[in-house]
Amino acid sequence: VIVSKTRRYVFHFEKIVAELKCLTEDNVDSVNNQSKVNELVNHWHNEGKIKTNSIDESNWRELPKELQTRIYEITTKSIKKRIRKANVQIRETKQELRLDEYSGLMILANDGVGSLPPAAFIYATQHALVRDFSEIKYFIYLTANLFTQLRGAPMPTLFWIGFDMQKGPKMDEKFIDRLGRDWRSLVCRKTGIPGFVQELHDVESFWHPRHLT
């Protein structure tokens, strides 16, 4: 059931209220964001907490986790903004329709944030959900029109990955698989490109690739 034109969906059989959020504007490397990141990094460098104030992909993984997290918080505010809105809308839908027992699902579609690798995008989402936004029990990350060359995959890849954020009962995997299958079918039909499903077994390869531009 589509509740309204704001991309809210209700799945009564599974007792799920879903909200779709799409990110198309890439402002990760905006002047404002980079100014804040530089100020933060210089502060840590001046205090002797890091050896250099020049941060790039070659030394990113050597940075303290606390600093990585604070940089993510600066550069991914647009993601958190969408999460906050989805959380509010899921709560409002449950209240309006008296669906207190239903779980919240956020579908986060990346359709333009190419400067943030898939792993970083997902980490930023998980970090936000762990700290706040109690209505969202499960989220799906997918890419639309944004391909990645993944090691071991024979062709550029679109992502569809689900994450459970709650303790206790888990969301039905068959339901999530069905959503993913329908999404892939739609993409193939719209683009005319044949598709296939590949499980992510090489986890290490997931942390390094960037989106193709």
C-alpha atoms as a PDB file:
ATOM      1  CA  VAL A   1       0.000   0.000   0.000  1.00  0.00           C
ATOM      2  CA  ILE A   2       1.360   3.445  -0.974  1.00  0.00           C
ATOM      3  CA  VAL A   3       0.253   5.811   1.777  1.00  0.00           C
ATOM      4  CA  SER A   4       0.921   9.088  -0.008  1.00  0.00           C
ATOM      5  CA  LYS A   5       3.046  10.779  -2.653  1.00  0.00           C
ATOM      6  CA  THR A   6       5.862  11.185  -0.127  1.00  0.00           C
ATOM      7  CA  ARG A   7       7.127   7.642  -0.854  1.00  0.00           C
ATOM      8  CA  ARG A   8       5.716   6.004   2.240  1.00  0.00           C
ATOM      9  CA  TYR A   9       4.754   2.354   1.929  1.00  0.00           C
ATOM     10  CA  VAL A  10       2.888  -0.035   4.202  1.00  0.00           C
ATOM     11  CA  PHE A  11       3.298  -3.809   4.003  1.00  0.00           C
ATOM     12  CA  HIS A  12       0.509  -5.188   6.157  1.00  0.00           C
ATOM     13  CA  PHE A  13       1.363  -8.869   5.850  1.00  0.00           C
ATOM     14  CA  GLU A  14       4.925  -8.240   7.110  1.00  0.00           C
ATOM     15  CA  LYS A  15       3.829  -5.427   9.471  1.00  0.00           C
ATOM     16  CA  ILE A  16       6.286  -2.934   8.041  1.00  0.00           C
ATOM     17  CA  VAL A  17       6.124   0.803   7.391  1.00  0.00           C
ATOM     18  CA  ALA A  18       8.736   1.809   4.805  1.00  0.00           C
ATOM     19  CA  GLU A  19      10.087   5.183   3.782  1.00  0.00           C
ATOM     20  CA  LEU A  20      12.126   5.759   0.610  1.00  0.00           C
ATOM     21  CA  LYS A  21      14.760   8.500   0.605  1.00  0.00           C
ATOM     22  CA  CYS A  22      16.824   9.363  -2.460  1.00  0.00           C
ATOM     23  CA  LEU A  23      20.077  11.343  -2.409  1.00  0.00           C
ATOM     24  CA  THR A  24      21.004  13.014  -5.687  1.00  0.00           C
ATOM     25  CA  GLU A  25      23.121  16.001  -4.628  1.00  0.00           C
ATOM     26  CA  ASP A  26      26.780  15.324  -3.859  1.00  0.00           C
ATOM     27  CA  ASN A  27      27.987  17.982  -1.423  1.00  0.00           C
ATOM     28  CA  VAL A  28      30.509  15.834   0.468  1.00  0.00           C
ATOM     29  CA  ASP A  29      33.422  17.826  -0.935  1.00  0.00           C
ATOM     30  CA  SER A  30      31.728  21.211  -0.763  1.00  0.00           C
ATOM     31  CA  VAL A  31      33.803  24.249   0.231  1.00  0.00           C
ATOM     32  CA  ASN A  32      31.935  24.538   3.531  1.00  0.00           C
ATOM     33  CA  ASN A  33      32.441  20.873   4.431  1.00  0.00           C
ATOM     34  CA  GLN A  34      36.104  20.855   3.471  1.00  0.00           C
ATOM     35  CA  SER A  35      36.723  24.011   5.493  1.00  0.00           C
ATOM     36  CA  LYS A  36      35.284  22.333   8.596  1.00  0.00           C
ATOM     37  CA  VAL A  37      37.256  19.131   7.951  1.00  0.00           C
ATOM     38  CA  ASN A  38      40.513  21.082   7.522  1.00  0.00           C
ATOM     39  CA  GLU A  39      39.890  22.974  10.744  1.00  0.00           C
ATOM     40  CA  LEU A  40      39.255  19.717  12.608  1.00  0.00           C
ATOM     41  CA  VAL A  41      42.290  17.946  11.145  1.00  0.00           C
ATOM     42  CA  ASN A  42      44.587  20.916  11.837  1.00  0.00           C
ATOM     43  CA  HIS A  43      43.389  20.976  15.442  1.00  0.00           C
ATOM     44  CA  TRP A  44      44.224  17.287  15.900  1.00  0.00           C
ATOM     45  CA  HIS A  45      47.597  17.793  14.207  1.00  0.00           C
ATOM     46  CA  ASN A  46      48.487  20.791  16.360  1.00  0.00           C
ATOM     47  CA  GLU A  47      47.704  18.764  19.476  1.00  0.00           C
ATOM     48  CA  GLY A  48      50.042  16.010  18.285  1.00  0.00           C
ATOM     49  CA  LYS A  49      47.286  13.411  17.924  1.00  0.00           C
ATOM     50  CA  ILE A  50      48.099  12.725  14.251  1.00  0.00           C
ATOM     51  CA  LYS A  51      51.402  12.913  12.359  1.00  0.00           C
ATOM     52  CA  THR A  52      50.193  14.901   9.361  1.00  0.00           C
ATOM     53  CA  ASN A  53      47.397  17.278   8.466  1.00  0.00           C
ATOM     54  CA  SER A  54      47.280  15.945   4.903  1.00  0.00           C
ATOM     55  CA  ILE A  55      44.494  13.368   4.727  1.00  0.00           C
ATOM     56  CA  ASP A  56      43.892  11.160   1.705  1.00  0.00           C
ATOM     57  CA  GLU A  57      42.953   7.569   0.852  1.00  0.00           C
ATOM     58  CA  SER A  58      46.494   6.309   1.443  1.00  0.00           C
ATOM     59  CA  ASN A  59      46.498   7.203   5.155  1.00  0.00           C
ATOM     60  CA  TRP A  60      42.764   7.314   5.935  1.00  0.00           C
ATOM     61  CA  ARG A  61      42.651   3.876   7.586  1.00  0.00           C
ATOM     62  CA  GLU A  62      45.540   4.850   9.879  1.00  0.00           C
ATOM     63  CA  LEU A  63      43.598   7.730  11.415  1.00  0.00           C
ATOM     64  CA  PRO A  64      42.099   7.331  14.907  1.00  0.00           C
ATOM     65  CA  LYS A  65      38.526   6.020  14.717  1.00  0.00           C
ATOM     66  CA  GLU A  66      37.260   9.030  16.668  1.00  0.00           C
ATOM     67  CA  LEU A  67      38.660  11.403  14.043  1.00  0.00           C
ATOM     68  CA  GLN A  68      37.253   9.314  11.191  1.00  0.00           C
ATOM     69  CA  THR A  69      33.830   9.434  12.830  1.00  0.00           C
ATOM     70  CA  ARG A  70      33.949  13.212  13.315  1.00  0.00           C
ATOM     71  CA  ILE A  71      34.948  13.723   9.677  1.00  0.00           C
ATOM     72  CA  TYR A  72      32.050  11.503   8.603  1.00  0.00           C
ATOM     73  CA  GLU A  73      29.687  13.562  10.757  1.00  0.00           C
ATOM     74  CA  ILE A  74      30.764  16.717   8.920  1.00  0.00           C
ATOM     75  CA  THR A  75      30.694  15.365   5.369  1.00  0.00           C
ATOM     76  CA  THR A  76      27.512  13.283   5.630  1.00  0.00           C
ATOM     77  CA  LYS A  77      25.045  15.757   7.105  1.00  0.00           C
ATOM     78  CA  SER A  78      22.815  15.378   4.042  1.00  0.00           C
ATOM     79  CA  ILE A  79      22.522  11.649   4.778  1.00  0.00           C
ATOM     80  CA  LYS A  80      21.617  12.282   8.414  1.00  0.00           C
ATOM     81  CA  LYS A  81      19.057  14.865   7.319  1.00  0.00           C
ATOM     82  CA  ARG A  82      17.289  12.239   5.184  1.00  0.00           C
ATOM     83  CA  ILE A  83      17.441   9.713   8.033  1.00  0.00           C
ATOM     84  CA  ARG A  84      15.930  12.191  10.474  1.00  0.00           C
ATOM     85  CA  LYS A  85      13.084  12.961   8.074  1.00  0.00           C
ATOM     86  CA  ALA A  86      12.446   9.263   7.397  1.00  0.00           C
ATOM     87  CA  ASN A  87      12.320   8.551  11.123  1.00  0.00           C
ATOM     88  CA  VAL A  88       9.725  11.290  11.687  1.00  0.00           C
ATOM     89  CA  GLN A  89       7.596  10.198   8.730  1.00  0.00           C
ATOM     90  CA  ILE A  90       7.621   6.544   9.788  1.00  0.00           C
ATOM     91  CA  ARG A  91       6.491   7.569  13.265  1.00  0.00           C
ATOM     92  CA  GLU A  92       3.738   9.802  11.837  1.00  0.00           C
ATOM     93  CA  THR A  93       2.489   7.059   9.517  1.00  0.00           C
ATOM     94  CA  LYS A  94       2.323   4.551  12.380  1.00  0.00           C
ATOM     95  CA  GLN A  95       0.403   7.046  14.523  1.00  0.00           C
ATOM     96  CA  GLU A  96      -1.990   8.106  11.755  1.00  0.00           C
ATOM     97  CA  LEU A  97      -2.842   4.527  10.782  1.00  0.00           C
ATOM     98  CA  ARG A  98      -2.600   3.106  14.316  1.00  0.00           C
ATOM     99  CA  LEU A  99       0.146   0.684  13.400  1.00  0.00           C
ATOM    100  CA  ASP A 100       2.010   0.643  16.707  1.00  0.00           C
ATOM    101  CA  GLU A 101       3.206  -2.946  16.265  1.00  0.00           C
ATOM    102  CA  TYR A 102       4.725  -2.304  12.834  1.00  0.00           C
ATOM    103  CA  SER A 103       8.493  -1.980  12.304  1.00  0.00           C
ATOM    104  CA  GLY A 104      10.142   0.862  10.405  1.00  0.00           C
ATOM    105  CA  LEU A 105      12.162   0.284   7.248  1.00  0.00           C
ATOM    106  CA  MET A 106      14.189   3.002   5.530  1.00  0.00           C
ATOM    107  CA  ILE A 107      15.210   2.489   1.911  1.00  0.00           C
ATOM    108  CA  LEU A 108      18.139   4.788   1.191  1.00  0.00           C
ATOM    109  CA  ALA A 109      18.801   5.209  -2.532  1.00  0.00           C
ATOM    110  CA  ASN A 110      22.119   6.735  -3.553  1.00  0.00           C
ATOM    111  CA  ASP A 111      21.540   8.307  -6.954  1.00  0.00           C
ATOM    112  CA  GLY A 112      24.311  10.853  -7.072  1.00  0.00           C
ATOM    113  CA  VAL A 113      26.705  10.858  -4.106  1.00  0.00           C
ATOM    114  CA  GLY A 114      29.680   9.506  -6.043  1.00  0.00           C
ATOM    115  CA  SER A 115      32.463  11.026  -3.959  1.00  0.00           C
ATOM    116  CA  LEU A 116      31.581   8.846  -0.959  1.00  0.00           C
ATOM    117  CA  PRO A 117      32.510   5.148  -1.375  1.00  0.00           C
ATOM    118  CA  PRO A 118      29.724   2.614  -0.681  1.00  0.00           C
ATOM    119  CA  ALA A 119      31.349   1.417   2.556  1.00  0.00           C
ATOM    120  CA  ALA A 120      31.665   4.983   3.871  1.00  0.00           C
ATOM    121  CA  PHE A 121      28.050   5.789   2.959  1.00  0.00           C
ATOM    122  CA  ILE A 122      26.817   2.699   4.806  1.00  0.00           C
ATOM    123  CA  TYR A 123      29.059   3.368   7.810  1.00  0.00           C
ATOM    124  CA  ALA A 124      27.697   6.920   8.111  1.00  0.00           C
ATOM    125  CA  THR A 125      24.138   5.579   8.016  1.00  0.00           C
ATOM    126  CA  GLN A 126      24.788   2.889  10.613  1.00  0.00           C
ATOM    127  CA  HIS A 127      26.580   5.350  12.889  1.00  0.00           C
ATOM    128  CA  ALA A 128      23.598   7.708  12.824  1.00  0.00           C
ATOM    129  CA  LEU A 129      21.056   4.935  13.402  1.00  0.00           C
ATOM    130  CA  VAL A 130      22.923   3.470  16.367  1.00  0.00           C
ATOM    131  CA  ARG A 131      22.830   6.807  18.178  1.00  0.00           C
ATOM    132  CA  ASP A 132      19.372   8.099  17.278  1.00  0.00           C
ATOM    133  CA  PHE A 133      16.235   7.462  15.207  1.00  0.00           C
ATOM    134  CA  SER A 134      14.565   4.638  17.112  1.00  0.00           C
ATOM    135  CA  GLU A 135      11.722   4.150  14.599  1.00  0.00           C
ATOM    136  CA  ILE A 136      14.065   2.735  11.930  1.00  0.00           C
ATOM    137  CA  LYS A 137      14.670  -0.925  12.692  1.00  0.00           C
ATOM    138  CA  TYR A 138      16.027  -1.906   9.291  1.00  0.00           C
ATOM    139  CA  PHE A 139      17.537  -0.077   6.352  1.00  0.00           C
ATOM    140  CA  ILE A 140      18.373  -0.948   2.769  1.00  0.00           C
ATOM    141  CA  TYR A 141      21.168   0.751   0.858  1.00  0.00           C
ATOM    142  CA  LEU A 142      20.869   0.727  -2.904  1.00  0.00           C
ATOM    143  CA  THR A 143      22.465   2.571  -5.792  1.00  0.00           C
ATOM    144  CA  ALA A 144      20.575   3.813  -8.823  1.00  0.00           C
ATOM    145  CA  ASN A 145      22.444   5.032 -11.920  1.00  0.00           C
ATOM    146  CA  LEU A 146      25.621   4.873  -9.856  1.00  0.00           C
ATOM    147  CA  PHE A 147      27.841   1.905 -10.686  1.00  0.00           C
ATOM    148  CA  THR A 148      30.907   0.506  -8.919  1.00  0.00           C
ATOM    149  CA  GLN A 149      33.651  -1.753 -10.238  1.00  0.00           C
ATOM    150  CA  LEU A 150      33.883  -4.452  -7.575  1.00  0.00           C
ATOM    151  CA  ARG A 151      36.725  -6.956  -7.508  1.00  0.00           C
ATOM    152  CA  GLY A 152      35.523 -10.359  -8.700  1.00  0.00           C
ATOM    153  CA  ALA A 153      32.426  -8.993 -10.447  1.00  0.00           C
ATOM    154  CA  PRO A 154      32.405  -9.405 -14.251  1.00  0.00           C
ATOM    155  CA  MET A 155      30.744  -6.028 -14.828  1.00  0.00           C
ATOM    156  CA  PRO A 156      30.016  -2.729 -13.018  1.00  0.00           C
ATOM    157  CA  THR A 157      27.785  -3.242 -10.005  1.00  0.00           C
ATOM    158  CA  LEU A 158      24.674  -1.720  -8.464  1.00  0.00           C
ATOM    159  CA  PHE A 159      24.254  -2.305  -4.729  1.00  0.00           C
ATOM    160  CA  TRP A 160      21.278  -3.644  -2.796  1.00  0.00           C
ATOM    161  CA  ILE A 161      22.253  -4.451   0.788  1.00  0.00           C
ATOM    162  CA  GLY A 162      20.059  -4.735   3.881  1.00  0.00           C
ATOM    163  CA  PHE A 163      21.035  -4.134   7.512  1.00  0.00           C
ATOM    164  CA  ASP A 164      19.143  -5.012  10.683  1.00  0.00           C
ATOM    165  CA  MET A 165      19.503  -2.353  13.383  1.00  0.00           C
ATOM    166  CA  GLN A 166      17.410  -3.920  16.132  1.00  0.00           C
ATOM    167  CA  LYS A 167      17.848  -6.463  18.845  1.00  0.00           C
ATOM    168  CA  GLY A 168      15.320  -9.247  19.097  1.00  0.00           C
ATOM    169  CA  PRO A 169      13.042 -10.286  16.196  1.00  0.00           C
ATOM    170  CA  LYS A 170      14.596  -9.797  12.763  1.00  0.00           C
ATOM    171  CA  MET A 171      12.910  -8.668   9.591  1.00  0.00           C
ATOM    172  CA  ASP A 172      11.804 -11.482   7.296  1.00  0.00           C
ATOM    173  CA  GLU A 173      14.691 -12.225   4.914  1.00  0.00           C
ATOM    174  CA  LYS A 174      12.278 -13.547   2.294  1.00  0.00           C
ATOM    175  CA  PHE A 175      10.531 -10.173   2.256  1.00  0.00           C
ATOM    176  CA  ILE A 176      13.819  -8.299   1.797  1.00  0.00           C
ATOM    177  CA  ASP A 177      14.921 -10.724  -0.922  1.00  0.00           C
ATOM    178  CA  ARG A 178      11.619 -10.238  -2.715  1.00  0.00           C
ATOM    179  CA  LEU A 179      11.993  -6.466  -2.636  1.00  0.00           C
ATOM    180  CA  GLY A 180      15.513  -6.780  -4.007  1.00  0.00           C
ATOM    181  CA  ARG A 181      14.407  -9.122  -6.774  1.00  0.00           C
ATOM    182  CA  ASP A 182      11.636  -6.762  -7.826  1.00  0.00           C
ATOM    183  CA  TRP A 183      14.032  -3.806  -7.770  1.00  0.00           C
ATOM    184  CA  ARG A 184      16.571  -5.585  -9.963  1.00  0.00           C
ATOM    185  CA  SER A 185      13.831  -6.619 -12.371  1.00  0.00           C
ATOM    186  CA  LEU A 186      12.678  -2.999 -12.628  1.00  0.00           C
ATOM    187  CA  VAL A 187      16.222  -1.724 -13.259  1.00  0.00           C
ATOM    188  CA  CYS A 188      16.842  -4.288 -15.990  1.00  0.00           C
ATOM    189  CA  ARG A 189      13.521  -3.493 -17.613  1.00  0.00           C
ATOM    190  CA  LYS A 190      14.094   0.273 -17.542  1.00  0.00           C
ATOM    191  CA  THR A 191      17.714   0.205 -18.692  1.00  0.00           C
ATOM    192  CA  GLY A 192      17.592  -2.767 -21.053  1.00  0.00           C
ATOM    193  CA  ILE A 193      20.772  -4.073 -19.404  1.00  0.00           C
ATOM    194  CA  PRO A 194      20.710  -7.755 -18.397  1.00  0.00           C
ATOM    195  CA  GLY A 195      21.418  -8.281 -14.721  1.00  0.00           C
ATOM    196  CA  PHE A 196      22.515 -11.008 -12.359  1.00  0.00           C
ATOM    197  CA  VAL A 197      22.741 -11.474  -8.598  1.00  0.00           C
ATOM    198  CA  GLN A 198      26.067 -11.957  -6.846  1.00  0.00           C
ATOM    199  CA  GLU A 199      26.522 -12.416  -3.114  1.00  0.00           C
ATOM    200  CA  LEU A 200      29.250 -10.329  -1.495  1.00  0.00           C
ATOM    201  CA  HIS A 201      31.749 -12.897  -0.206  1.00  0.00           C
ATOM    202  CA  ASP A 202      34.936 -10.868  -0.703  1.00  0.00           C
ATOM    203  CA  VAL A 203      34.281  -8.400   2.105  1.00  0.00           C
ATOM    204  CA  GLU A 204      37.736  -6.824   1.817  1.00  0.00           C
ATOM    205  CA  SER A 205      36.994  -5.777  -1.765  1.00  0.00           C
ATOM    206  CA  PHE A 206      33.948  -3.855  -0.531  1.00  0.00           C
ATOM    207  CA  TRP A 207      36.015  -1.372   1.479  1.00  0.00           C
ATOM    208  CA  HIS A 208      38.164  -0.021  -1.350  1.00  0.00           C
ATOM    209  CA  PRO A 209      36.225   0.589  -4.603  1.00  0.00           C
ATOM    210  CA  ARG A 210      34.813   3.955  -5.577  1.00  0.00           C
ATOM    211  CA  HIS A 211      31.894   4.716  -7.823  1.00  0.00           C
ATOM    212  CA  LEU A 212      32.485   5.002 -11.553  1.00  0.00           C
ATOM    213  CA  THR A 213      32.008   8.517 -12.947  1.00  0.00           C
END
